């Protein structure tokens, strides 16, 4: 019984990984990659989709290779990928560097380690009306 449950868990995890890869390929395969340097940190790769308000942010190729090597050498005991706030900082820096400093990140989630997708909004906030109440 335990072996069967373990096999189902392993298959589920494998399929979950495949769905992440499928999502990335379907949604970002034709997007031009841009690079952004985050002050005091590494270079990140950005795949921006302004029409949908989404972007994928990944480690640079050299950083991702180093992170993978550390993970492999430690038999997956250590995940050397940067935490979400660093990827979000790269997304925010990219928006600022492209003249969209009024945009804000709404959400971010891990697609495939180390690839994060961020949803952002660049619409102007509504301005409250300053009308005076009518007296009747």
N, C-alpha and C. Protein backbone atom coordinates (compact mmCIF):
# COMPACT_ATOMS: atom_id res chain seq x y z
N UNK A 1 0.82 -1.19 0.00
CA UNK A 1 0.00 0.00 0.00
C UNK A 1 0.87 1.26 0.00
N UNK A 2 1.92 1.27 0.85
CA UNK A 2 2.82 2.42 0.93
C UNK A 2 3.52 2.65 -0.41
N UNK A 3 3.96 1.57 -1.06
CA UNK A 3 4.65 1.70 -2.34
C UNK A 3 3.74 2.33 -3.40
N UNK A 4 2.48 1.92 -3.38
CA UNK A 4 1.53 2.47 -4.35
C UNK A 4 1.31 3.96 -4.10
N UNK A 5 1.15 4.34 -2.84
CA UNK A 5 0.95 5.75 -2.50
C UNK A 5 2.18 6.57 -2.89
N UNK A 6 3.37 6.02 -2.64
CA UNK A 6 4.60 6.72 -3.01
C UNK A 6 4.69 6.90 -4.52
N UNK A 7 4.30 5.89 -5.27
CA UNK A 7 4.33 5.98 -6.72
C UNK A 7 3.36 7.05 -7.22
N UNK A 8 2.18 7.13 -6.61
CA UNK A 8 1.21 8.15 -7.01
C UNK A 8 1.72 9.55 -6.71
N UNK A 9 2.37 9.71 -5.57
CA UNK A 9 2.94 11.02 -5.22
C UNK A 9 4.04 11.38 -6.22
N UNK A 10 4.90 10.44 -6.56
CA UNK A 10 5.98 10.70 -7.51
C UNK A 10 5.42 11.07 -8.89
N UNK A 11 4.39 10.37 -9.33
CA UNK A 11 3.78 10.68 -10.63
C UNK A 11 3.14 12.06 -10.59
N UNK A 12 2.46 12.40 -9.50
CA UNK A 12 1.83 13.71 -9.37
C UNK A 12 2.86 14.82 -9.43
N UNK A 13 3.98 14.62 -8.73
CA UNK A 13 5.02 15.64 -8.74
C UNK A 13 5.63 15.79 -10.13
N UNK A 14 5.82 14.68 -10.81
CA UNK A 14 6.37 14.73 -12.17
C UNK A 14 5.41 15.47 -13.10
N UNK A 15 4.13 15.16 -13.01
CA UNK A 15 3.14 15.82 -13.87
C UNK A 15 3.03 17.30 -13.53
N UNK A 16 3.14 17.64 -12.26
CA UNK A 16 3.09 19.05 -11.87
C UNK A 16 4.26 19.79 -12.50
N UNK A 17 5.43 19.19 -12.50
CA UNK A 17 6.60 19.80 -13.13
C UNK A 17 6.40 19.95 -14.63
N UNK A 18 5.79 18.96 -15.25
CA UNK A 18 5.53 19.02 -16.69
C UNK A 18 4.54 20.12 -17.01
N UNK A 19 3.53 20.29 -16.16
CA UNK A 19 2.54 21.33 -16.44
C UNK A 19 3.19 22.71 -16.34
N UNK A 20 4.15 22.87 -15.43
CA UNK A 20 4.87 24.14 -15.33
C UNK A 20 5.69 24.40 -16.57
N UNK A 21 6.35 23.39 -17.08
CA UNK A 21 7.14 23.53 -18.30
C UNK A 21 6.22 23.84 -19.47
N UNK A 22 5.10 23.14 -19.55
CA UNK A 22 4.15 23.39 -20.64
C UNK A 22 3.64 24.82 -20.59
N UNK A 23 3.32 25.32 -19.40
CA UNK A 23 2.82 26.68 -19.25
C UNK A 23 3.86 27.69 -19.73
N UNK A 24 5.11 27.50 -19.31
CA UNK A 24 6.18 28.41 -19.71
C UNK A 24 6.35 28.39 -21.23
N UNK A 25 6.39 27.22 -21.82
CA UNK A 25 6.57 27.12 -23.26
C UNK A 25 5.40 27.74 -24.02
N UNK A 26 4.18 27.49 -23.57
CA UNK A 26 3.00 28.03 -24.25
C UNK A 26 2.91 29.55 -24.13
N UNK A 27 3.33 30.09 -23.01
CA UNK A 27 3.10 31.51 -22.75
C UNK A 27 4.30 32.42 -22.97
N UNK A 28 5.51 31.86 -22.99
CA UNK A 28 6.68 32.73 -23.07
C UNK A 28 7.68 32.35 -24.17
N UNK A 29 7.37 31.36 -24.99
CA UNK A 29 8.36 30.89 -25.97
C UNK A 29 8.73 31.94 -27.02
N UNK A 30 7.80 32.81 -27.39
CA UNK A 30 8.08 33.79 -28.44
C UNK A 30 8.35 35.19 -27.90
N UNK A 31 8.54 35.31 -26.61
CA UNK A 31 8.76 36.61 -25.99
C UNK A 31 10.26 36.91 -25.97
N UNK A 32 10.62 38.10 -26.43
CA UNK A 32 12.03 38.50 -26.44
C UNK A 32 12.53 38.67 -25.01
N UNK A 33 13.68 38.09 -24.74
CA UNK A 33 14.25 38.18 -23.40
C UNK A 33 15.01 39.49 -23.24
N UNK A 34 14.80 40.12 -22.10
CA UNK A 34 15.53 41.34 -21.73
C UNK A 34 16.29 41.03 -20.45
N UNK A 35 17.34 41.76 -20.22
CA UNK A 35 18.11 41.56 -18.98
C UNK A 35 18.03 42.81 -18.12
N UNK A 36 18.02 42.58 -16.82
CA UNK A 36 17.99 43.69 -15.87
C UNK A 36 18.98 43.37 -14.75
N UNK A 37 19.77 44.38 -14.42
CA UNK A 37 20.72 44.24 -13.32
C UNK A 37 20.09 44.89 -12.09
N UNK A 38 19.98 44.11 -11.05
CA UNK A 38 19.46 44.63 -9.79
C UNK A 38 20.66 45.03 -8.95
N UNK A 39 20.64 46.28 -8.50
CA UNK A 39 21.78 46.83 -7.76
C UNK A 39 22.25 45.89 -6.66
N UNK A 40 23.55 45.61 -6.66
CA UNK A 40 24.15 44.75 -5.64
C UNK A 40 23.77 43.29 -5.77
N UNK A 41 23.24 42.91 -6.91
CA UNK A 41 22.79 41.54 -7.09
C UNK A 41 23.19 41.04 -8.48
N UNK A 42 22.57 40.01 -8.91
CA UNK A 42 22.87 39.39 -10.20
C UNK A 42 22.02 40.01 -11.30
N UNK A 43 22.28 39.59 -12.51
CA UNK A 43 21.46 39.95 -13.65
C UNK A 43 20.32 38.94 -13.75
N UNK A 44 19.14 39.45 -14.02
CA UNK A 44 17.96 38.60 -14.18
C UNK A 44 17.45 38.73 -15.61
N UNK A 45 16.80 37.68 -16.09
CA UNK A 45 16.21 37.69 -17.43
C UNK A 45 14.71 37.92 -17.29
N UNK A 46 14.18 38.80 -18.12
CA UNK A 46 12.77 39.17 -18.03
C UNK A 46 12.10 38.89 -19.37
N UNK A 47 10.97 38.21 -19.32
CA UNK A 47 10.13 37.94 -20.47
C UNK A 47 8.81 38.67 -20.21
N UNK A 48 8.66 39.83 -20.83
CA UNK A 48 7.55 40.73 -20.52
C UNK A 48 6.42 40.59 -21.54
N UNK A 49 5.18 40.55 -21.03
CA UNK A 49 3.99 40.50 -21.87
C UNK A 49 3.08 41.66 -21.46
N UNK A 50 3.39 42.88 -21.91
CA UNK A 50 2.61 44.05 -21.48
C UNK A 50 1.11 43.95 -21.79
N UNK A 51 0.76 43.30 -22.88
CA UNK A 51 -0.66 43.19 -23.25
C UNK A 51 -1.47 42.42 -22.22
N UNK A 52 -0.81 41.52 -21.50
CA UNK A 52 -1.52 40.73 -20.49
C UNK A 52 -1.14 41.14 -19.07
N UNK A 53 -0.18 42.06 -18.95
CA UNK A 53 0.24 42.48 -17.61
C UNK A 53 0.94 41.39 -16.83
N UNK A 54 1.71 40.58 -17.54
CA UNK A 54 2.45 39.49 -16.90
C UNK A 54 3.89 39.50 -17.39
N UNK A 55 4.76 39.03 -16.54
CA UNK A 55 6.15 38.83 -16.94
C UNK A 55 6.72 37.64 -16.18
N UNK A 56 7.65 36.96 -16.84
CA UNK A 56 8.39 35.89 -16.18
C UNK A 56 9.79 36.41 -15.92
N UNK A 57 10.27 36.20 -14.71
CA UNK A 57 11.61 36.63 -14.33
C UNK A 57 12.39 35.39 -13.92
N UNK A 58 13.58 35.24 -14.50
CA UNK A 58 14.42 34.10 -14.20
C UNK A 58 15.82 34.56 -13.83
N UNK A 59 16.55 33.68 -13.20
CA UNK A 59 17.97 33.96 -12.95
C UNK A 59 18.69 34.01 -14.29
N UNK A 60 19.84 34.68 -14.32
CA UNK A 60 20.65 34.66 -15.54
C UNK A 60 21.07 33.22 -15.81
N UNK A 61 21.49 32.95 -17.04
CA UNK A 61 21.89 31.58 -17.38
C UNK A 61 23.04 31.09 -16.50
N UNK A 62 24.02 31.97 -16.27
CA UNK A 62 25.17 31.54 -15.44
C UNK A 62 24.75 31.32 -14.00
N UNK A 63 23.88 32.18 -13.47
CA UNK A 63 23.42 32.00 -12.09
C UNK A 63 22.59 30.73 -11.96
N UNK A 64 21.71 30.49 -12.94
CA UNK A 64 20.87 29.28 -12.90
C UNK A 64 21.74 28.02 -12.96
N UNK A 65 22.80 28.06 -13.76
CA UNK A 65 23.70 26.90 -13.84
C UNK A 65 24.38 26.67 -12.50
N UNK A 66 24.84 27.74 -11.86
CA UNK A 66 25.47 27.61 -10.55
C UNK A 66 24.50 27.10 -9.50
N UNK A 67 23.27 27.59 -9.54
CA UNK A 67 22.25 27.14 -8.59
C UNK A 67 21.95 25.65 -8.79
N UNK A 68 21.88 25.24 -10.06
CA UNK A 68 21.63 23.83 -10.35
C UNK A 68 22.78 22.95 -9.90
N UNK A 69 24.01 23.45 -10.06
CA UNK A 69 25.18 22.67 -9.64
C UNK A 69 25.18 22.48 -8.13
N UNK A 70 24.87 23.54 -7.40
CA UNK A 70 24.82 23.43 -5.93
C UNK A 70 23.75 22.44 -5.51
N UNK A 71 22.58 22.53 -6.16
CA UNK A 71 21.48 21.62 -5.84
C UNK A 71 21.90 20.17 -6.10
N UNK A 72 22.56 19.94 -7.25
CA UNK A 72 23.00 18.59 -7.59
C UNK A 72 24.08 18.06 -6.67
N UNK A 73 25.04 18.91 -6.33
CA UNK A 73 26.13 18.48 -5.45
C UNK A 73 25.65 18.14 -4.04
N UNK A 74 24.58 18.79 -3.63
CA UNK A 74 24.05 18.52 -2.28
C UNK A 74 22.90 17.53 -2.32
N UNK A 75 22.73 16.86 -3.46
CA UNK A 75 21.65 15.88 -3.66
C UNK A 75 20.29 16.47 -3.31
N UNK A 76 20.08 17.69 -3.78
CA UNK A 76 18.83 18.44 -3.63
C UNK A 76 18.53 18.85 -2.19
N UNK A 77 19.53 18.79 -1.33
CA UNK A 77 19.34 19.21 0.06
C UNK A 77 19.36 20.73 0.19
N UNK A 78 20.02 21.41 -0.75
CA UNK A 78 20.12 22.87 -0.69
C UNK A 78 19.54 23.45 -1.97
N UNK A 79 18.63 24.39 -1.80
CA UNK A 79 18.10 25.12 -2.95
C UNK A 79 18.79 26.48 -2.97
N UNK A 80 19.65 26.69 -3.94
CA UNK A 80 20.46 27.91 -4.00
C UNK A 80 19.80 29.04 -4.77
N UNK A 81 18.57 28.82 -5.24
CA UNK A 81 17.87 29.88 -5.99
C UNK A 81 17.55 31.04 -5.05
N UNK A 82 17.63 32.25 -5.56
CA UNK A 82 17.28 33.41 -4.73
C UNK A 82 15.81 33.35 -4.30
N UNK A 83 15.47 34.00 -3.22
CA UNK A 83 14.08 34.02 -2.77
C UNK A 83 13.21 34.94 -3.63
N UNK A 84 11.91 34.79 -3.52
CA UNK A 84 10.95 35.56 -4.30
C UNK A 84 11.20 37.07 -4.27
N UNK A 85 11.51 37.68 -3.11
CA UNK A 85 11.70 39.14 -3.12
C UNK A 85 12.77 39.63 -4.09
N UNK A 86 13.80 38.84 -4.34
CA UNK A 86 14.82 39.26 -5.30
C UNK A 86 14.28 39.27 -6.72
N UNK A 87 13.48 38.26 -7.05
CA UNK A 87 12.87 38.22 -8.38
C UNK A 87 11.87 39.37 -8.54
N UNK A 88 11.11 39.64 -7.47
CA UNK A 88 10.16 40.74 -7.54
C UNK A 88 10.89 42.07 -7.69
N UNK A 89 12.02 42.23 -7.01
CA UNK A 89 12.82 43.45 -7.15
C UNK A 89 13.29 43.60 -8.60
N UNK A 90 13.67 42.49 -9.22
CA UNK A 90 14.08 42.52 -10.63
C UNK A 90 12.90 42.95 -11.51
N UNK A 91 11.70 42.44 -11.22
CA UNK A 91 10.52 42.83 -11.99
C UNK A 91 10.23 44.32 -11.83
N UNK A 92 10.30 44.81 -10.61
CA UNK A 92 10.05 46.23 -10.34
C UNK A 92 11.12 47.12 -11.01
N UNK A 93 12.37 46.68 -10.95
CA UNK A 93 13.46 47.43 -11.58
C UNK A 93 13.25 47.47 -13.09
N UNK A 94 12.86 46.35 -13.67
CA UNK A 94 12.60 46.31 -15.11
C UNK A 94 11.49 47.28 -15.50
N UNK A 95 10.41 47.29 -14.74
CA UNK A 95 9.32 48.22 -15.03
C UNK A 95 9.81 49.66 -14.95
N UNK A 96 10.60 49.99 -13.94
CA UNK A 96 11.14 51.35 -13.81
C UNK A 96 12.05 51.67 -14.98
N UNK A 97 12.92 50.73 -15.36
CA UNK A 97 13.89 50.95 -16.45
C UNK A 97 13.21 51.13 -17.80
N UNK A 98 11.97 50.64 -17.93
CA UNK A 98 11.26 50.75 -19.20
C UNK A 98 10.21 51.87 -19.14
N UNK A 99 10.36 52.78 -18.19
CA UNK A 99 9.47 53.94 -18.11
C UNK A 99 8.10 53.65 -17.55
N UNK A 100 7.96 52.53 -16.86
CA UNK A 100 6.67 52.18 -16.29
C UNK A 100 6.73 52.15 -14.77
N UNK A 101 7.34 53.20 -14.21
CA UNK A 101 7.53 53.24 -12.77
C UNK A 101 6.22 53.45 -12.01
N UNK A 102 5.12 53.77 -12.72
CA UNK A 102 3.81 53.88 -12.08
C UNK A 102 3.11 52.53 -11.96
N UNK A 103 3.70 51.50 -12.53
CA UNK A 103 3.10 50.16 -12.46
C UNK A 103 3.36 49.55 -11.08
N UNK A 104 2.51 48.62 -10.72
CA UNK A 104 2.71 47.93 -9.44
C UNK A 104 2.51 46.43 -9.61
N UNK A 105 3.29 45.68 -8.88
CA UNK A 105 3.18 44.22 -8.90
C UNK A 105 1.97 43.83 -8.06
N UNK A 106 1.09 43.02 -8.63
CA UNK A 106 -0.11 42.58 -7.91
C UNK A 106 0.08 41.22 -7.27
N UNK A 107 0.84 40.35 -7.94
CA UNK A 107 1.01 38.98 -7.45
C UNK A 107 2.23 38.36 -8.10
N UNK A 108 2.78 37.37 -7.48
CA UNK A 108 3.91 36.65 -8.05
C UNK A 108 3.90 35.22 -7.55
N UNK A 109 4.25 34.29 -8.43
CA UNK A 109 4.24 32.89 -8.04
C UNK A 109 5.29 32.12 -8.82
N UNK A 110 5.77 31.08 -8.20
CA UNK A 110 6.80 30.24 -8.79
C UNK A 110 6.19 29.36 -9.87
N UNK A 111 6.80 29.41 -11.06
CA UNK A 111 6.38 28.54 -12.15
C UNK A 111 7.20 27.26 -12.11
N UNK A 112 8.50 27.42 -12.29
CA UNK A 112 9.47 26.33 -12.22
C UNK A 112 10.71 26.95 -11.59
N UNK A 113 11.27 26.35 -10.61
CA UNK A 113 12.43 26.92 -9.95
C UNK A 113 13.60 27.02 -10.93
N UNK A 114 14.20 28.15 -11.16
CA UNK A 114 14.03 29.49 -10.61
C UNK A 114 13.31 30.45 -11.56
N UNK A 115 12.08 30.18 -11.92
CA UNK A 115 11.32 31.03 -12.83
C UNK A 115 10.04 31.48 -12.14
N UNK A 116 9.91 32.79 -11.98
CA UNK A 116 8.75 33.38 -11.31
C UNK A 116 7.93 34.17 -12.30
N UNK A 117 6.62 34.11 -12.16
CA UNK A 117 5.75 34.94 -12.97
C UNK A 117 5.14 36.01 -12.07
N UNK A 118 5.13 37.24 -12.57
CA UNK A 118 4.55 38.35 -11.83
C UNK A 118 3.44 38.97 -12.66
N UNK A 119 2.34 39.27 -11.99
CA UNK A 119 1.22 39.96 -12.60
C UNK A 119 1.33 41.41 -12.15
N UNK A 120 1.22 42.33 -13.11
CA UNK A 120 1.36 43.74 -12.77
C UNK A 120 0.25 44.56 -13.41
N UNK A 121 0.07 45.76 -12.85
CA UNK A 121 -0.97 46.67 -13.33
C UNK A 121 -0.35 48.04 -13.55
N UNK A 122 -0.61 48.59 -14.73
CA UNK A 122 -0.07 49.91 -15.07
C UNK A 122 -1.17 50.95 -15.25
N UNK A 123 -2.41 50.59 -14.90
CA UNK A 123 -3.49 51.56 -15.05
C UNK A 123 -3.37 52.63 -13.98
N UNK A 124 -3.83 53.79 -14.33
CA UNK A 124 -3.79 54.91 -13.38
C UNK A 124 -4.87 54.69 -12.34
N UNK A 125 -4.56 54.93 -11.07
CA UNK A 125 -5.59 54.79 -10.05
C UNK A 125 -6.67 55.86 -10.25
N UNK A 126 -7.89 55.50 -9.96
CA UNK A 126 -8.98 56.45 -10.10
C UNK A 126 -8.81 57.57 -9.08
N UNK A 127 -9.10 58.79 -9.53
CA UNK A 127 -9.00 59.94 -8.65
C UNK A 127 -10.37 60.19 -8.04
N UNK A 128 -10.41 60.31 -6.74
CA UNK A 128 -11.67 60.56 -6.05
C UNK A 128 -12.20 61.94 -6.42
N UNK A 129 -13.46 62.02 -6.64
CA UNK A 129 -14.09 63.28 -6.98
C UNK A 129 -14.19 64.16 -5.76
N UNK A 130 -13.97 65.45 -5.96
CA UNK A 130 -14.00 66.38 -4.85
C UNK A 130 -15.28 67.22 -4.87
N UNK A 131 -16.38 66.61 -5.31
CA UNK A 131 -17.64 67.33 -5.37
C UNK A 131 -18.18 67.59 -3.97
N UNK A 132 -18.79 68.73 -3.84
CA UNK A 132 -19.43 69.06 -2.56
C UNK A 132 -20.82 68.49 -2.56
N UNK A 133 -21.28 68.05 -1.41
CA UNK A 133 -22.64 67.48 -1.35
C UNK A 133 -23.67 68.57 -1.64
N UNK A 134 -24.73 68.21 -2.31
CA UNK A 134 -25.80 69.16 -2.64
C UNK A 134 -26.70 69.34 -1.43
N UNK A 135 -27.15 70.53 -1.29
CA UNK A 135 -28.12 70.82 -0.23
C UNK A 135 -29.45 71.13 -0.88
N UNK A 136 -30.45 70.53 -0.39
CA UNK A 136 -31.74 70.65 -1.04
C UNK A 136 -32.67 71.49 -0.38
